[in-house]
Amino acid sequence: QSQGAIRYLVVKGYAPVATRLKLVVDGIVVGEHPVSEEELLRLRYLLPFSDTANRIFEVEIHSATVFKSREPDDERLLGVMVFGVELEP
């Protein structure tokens, strides 16, 4: 949820494999980014909304490439590690 007017979505993380990320906010694609293997991420995208004050946003992060954990009991499909998602003025 935003606290006042904001302009940017910032995502920080790490990609263990090469992939392409797509960031979606409230159903609108705000950015796509090719990612190299073992890349540290700090992505910053301008939000296409005029009214952003005191609003709850739904943020989706889609990874084109997924992989399975090396742990035998872990069946999850993994993409990127997300360290943080922020809204900036």
C-alpha atoms as a PDB file:
ATOM      1  CA  GLN A   1       0.000   0.000   0.000  1.00  0.00           C
ATOM      2  CA  SER A   2       1.300   3.448  -0.872  1.00  0.00           C
ATOM      3  CA  GLN A   3       1.628   6.172   1.723  1.00  0.00           C
ATOM      4  CA  GLY A   4       1.121   9.291  -0.364  1.00  0.00           C
ATOM      5  CA  ALA A   5       1.815   9.761  -4.064  1.00  0.00           C
ATOM      6  CA  ILE A   6       4.335   7.371  -5.595  1.00  0.00           C
ATOM      7  CA  ARG A   7       5.822   7.119  -9.084  1.00  0.00           C
ATOM      8  CA  TYR A   8       8.052   4.035  -9.174  1.00  0.00           C
ATOM      9  CA  LEU A   9       8.000   0.314  -8.493  1.00  0.00           C
ATOM     10  CA  VAL A  10      11.387  -1.017  -7.351  1.00  0.00           C
ATOM     11  CA  VAL A  11      12.200  -4.734  -7.201  1.00  0.00           C
ATOM     12  CA  LYS A  12      15.435  -6.061  -5.671  1.00  0.00           C
ATOM     13  CA  GLY A  13      16.543  -9.652  -5.932  1.00  0.00           C
ATOM     14  CA  TYR A  14      18.801 -12.304  -7.423  1.00  0.00           C
ATOM     15  CA  ALA A  15      18.484 -14.553 -10.474  1.00  0.00           C
ATOM     16  CA  PRO A  16      20.290 -17.893 -10.184  1.00  0.00           C
ATOM     17  CA  VAL A  17      19.486 -18.696 -13.849  1.00  0.00           C
ATOM     18  CA  ALA A  18      19.162 -16.607 -16.992  1.00  0.00           C
ATOM     19  CA  THR A  19      15.555 -15.600 -17.644  1.00  0.00           C
ATOM     20  CA  ARG A  20      13.276 -12.781 -18.704  1.00  0.00           C
ATOM     21  CA  LEU A  21      11.176 -11.034 -16.070  1.00  0.00           C
ATOM     22  CA  LYS A  22       7.852  -9.340 -16.648  1.00  0.00           C
ATOM     23  CA  LEU A  23       6.485  -6.994 -13.968  1.00  0.00           C
ATOM     24  CA  VAL A  24       2.746  -6.403 -13.817  1.00  0.00           C
ATOM     25  CA  VAL A  25       0.968  -3.887 -11.566  1.00  0.00           C
ATOM     26  CA  ASP A  26      -2.812  -4.018 -11.281  1.00  0.00           C
ATOM     27  CA  GLY A  27      -2.994  -6.032 -14.504  1.00  0.00           C
ATOM     28  CA  ILE A  28      -0.795  -3.657 -16.550  1.00  0.00           C
ATOM     29  CA  VAL A  29       2.695  -4.647 -17.727  1.00  0.00           C
ATOM     30  CA  VAL A  30       5.045  -1.950 -16.400  1.00  0.00           C
ATOM     31  CA  GLY A  31       8.308  -3.506 -17.548  1.00  0.00           C
ATOM     32  CA  GLU A  32      10.245  -6.443 -18.940  1.00  0.00           C
ATOM     33  CA  HIS A  33      13.872  -7.197 -18.217  1.00  0.00           C
ATOM     34  CA  PRO A  34      16.299  -9.814 -19.578  1.00  0.00           C
ATOM     35  CA  VAL A  35      18.300 -11.299 -16.700  1.00  0.00           C
ATOM     36  CA  SER A  36      21.699 -13.001 -16.802  1.00  0.00           C
ATOM     37  CA  GLU A  37      22.626 -16.039 -14.734  1.00  0.00           C
ATOM     38  CA  GLU A  38      23.647 -15.096 -11.163  1.00  0.00           C
ATOM     39  CA  GLU A  39      22.588 -11.456 -11.643  1.00  0.00           C
ATOM     40  CA  LEU A  40      21.791  -9.181  -8.710  1.00  0.00           C
ATOM     41  CA  LEU A  41      18.670  -7.198  -9.561  1.00  0.00           C
ATOM     42  CA  ARG A  42      17.561  -3.660  -8.861  1.00  0.00           C
ATOM     43  CA  LEU A  43      14.761  -2.894 -11.287  1.00  0.00           C
ATOM     44  CA  ARG A  44      12.943   0.445 -11.268  1.00  0.00           C
ATOM     45  CA  TYR A  45       9.845   1.135 -13.357  1.00  0.00           C
ATOM     46  CA  LEU A  46       7.642   4.192 -13.727  1.00  0.00           C
ATOM     47  CA  LEU A  47       4.048   3.417 -12.804  1.00  0.00           C
ATOM     48  CA  PRO A  48       1.430   4.383 -15.420  1.00  0.00           C
ATOM     49  CA  PHE A  49      -1.147   5.619 -12.894  1.00  0.00           C
ATOM     50  CA  SER A  50      -2.070   9.212 -12.083  1.00  0.00           C
ATOM     51  CA  ASP A  51      -3.794   8.501  -8.754  1.00  0.00           C
ATOM     52  CA  THR A  52      -1.345   6.599  -6.538  1.00  0.00           C
ATOM     53  CA  ALA A  53      -1.879   8.104  -3.078  1.00  0.00           C
ATOM     54  CA  ASN A  54      -3.048   5.751  -0.320  1.00  0.00           C
ATOM     55  CA  ARG A  55      -3.716   2.906  -2.715  1.00  0.00           C
ATOM     56  CA  ILE A  56      -3.162  -0.851  -2.560  1.00  0.00           C
ATOM     57  CA  PHE A  57      -1.367  -2.276  -5.608  1.00  0.00           C
ATOM     58  CA  GLU A  58      -1.273  -5.874  -6.815  1.00  0.00           C
ATOM     59  CA  VAL A  59       2.248  -6.651  -8.073  1.00  0.00           C
ATOM     60  CA  GLU A  60       3.070  -9.754 -10.125  1.00  0.00           C
ATOM     61  CA  ILE A  61       6.567 -10.898 -11.102  1.00  0.00           C
ATOM     62  CA  HIS A  62       6.680 -13.457 -13.919  1.00  0.00           C
ATOM     63  CA  SER A  63       9.838 -15.419 -14.733  1.00  0.00           C
ATOM     64  CA  ALA A  64      10.079 -16.983 -18.219  1.00  0.00           C
ATOM     65  CA  THR A  65      12.428 -19.684 -16.897  1.00  0.00           C
ATOM     66  CA  VAL A  66      11.726 -21.849 -13.867  1.00  0.00           C
ATOM     67  CA  PHE A  67      13.661 -24.695 -12.286  1.00  0.00           C
ATOM     68  CA  LYS A  68      13.236 -27.279  -9.535  1.00  0.00           C
ATOM     69  CA  SER A  69      15.073 -27.113  -6.248  1.00  0.00           C
ATOM     70  CA  ARG A  70      18.029 -29.452  -5.749  1.00  0.00           C
ATOM     71  CA  GLU A  71      16.411 -30.665  -2.532  1.00  0.00           C
ATOM     72  CA  PRO A  72      14.733 -34.038  -3.223  1.00  0.00           C
ATOM     73  CA  ASP A  73      11.642 -33.293  -1.092  1.00  0.00           C
ATOM     74  CA  ASP A  74      11.091 -29.818  -2.562  1.00  0.00           C
ATOM     75  CA  GLU A  75       8.834 -29.960  -5.628  1.00  0.00           C
ATOM     76  CA  ARG A  76       8.372 -26.206  -6.058  1.00  0.00           C
ATOM     77  CA  LEU A  77       9.113 -24.489  -9.353  1.00  0.00           C
ATOM     78  CA  LEU A  78      11.496 -21.604  -8.650  1.00  0.00           C
ATOM     79  CA  GLY A  79      12.395 -18.497 -10.653  1.00  0.00           C
ATOM     80  CA  VAL A  80      14.121 -15.537  -8.996  1.00  0.00           C
ATOM     81  CA  MET A  81      14.750 -14.662  -5.348  1.00  0.00           C
ATOM     82  CA  VAL A  82      12.925 -11.473  -4.424  1.00  0.00           C
ATOM     83  CA  PHE A  83      14.635  -9.521  -1.641  1.00  0.00           C
ATOM     84  CA  GLY A  84      12.213  -6.609  -1.690  1.00  0.00           C
ATOM     85  CA  VAL A  85       9.428  -4.796  -3.513  1.00  0.00           C
ATOM     86  CA  GLU A  86       9.140  -1.061  -2.842  1.00  0.00           C
ATOM     87  CA  LEU A  87       7.071   1.910  -3.951  1.00  0.00           C
ATOM     88  CA  GLU A  88       9.085   5.134  -4.381  1.00  0.00           C
ATOM     89  CA  PRO A  89       7.961   8.740  -4.804  1.00  0.00           C
END
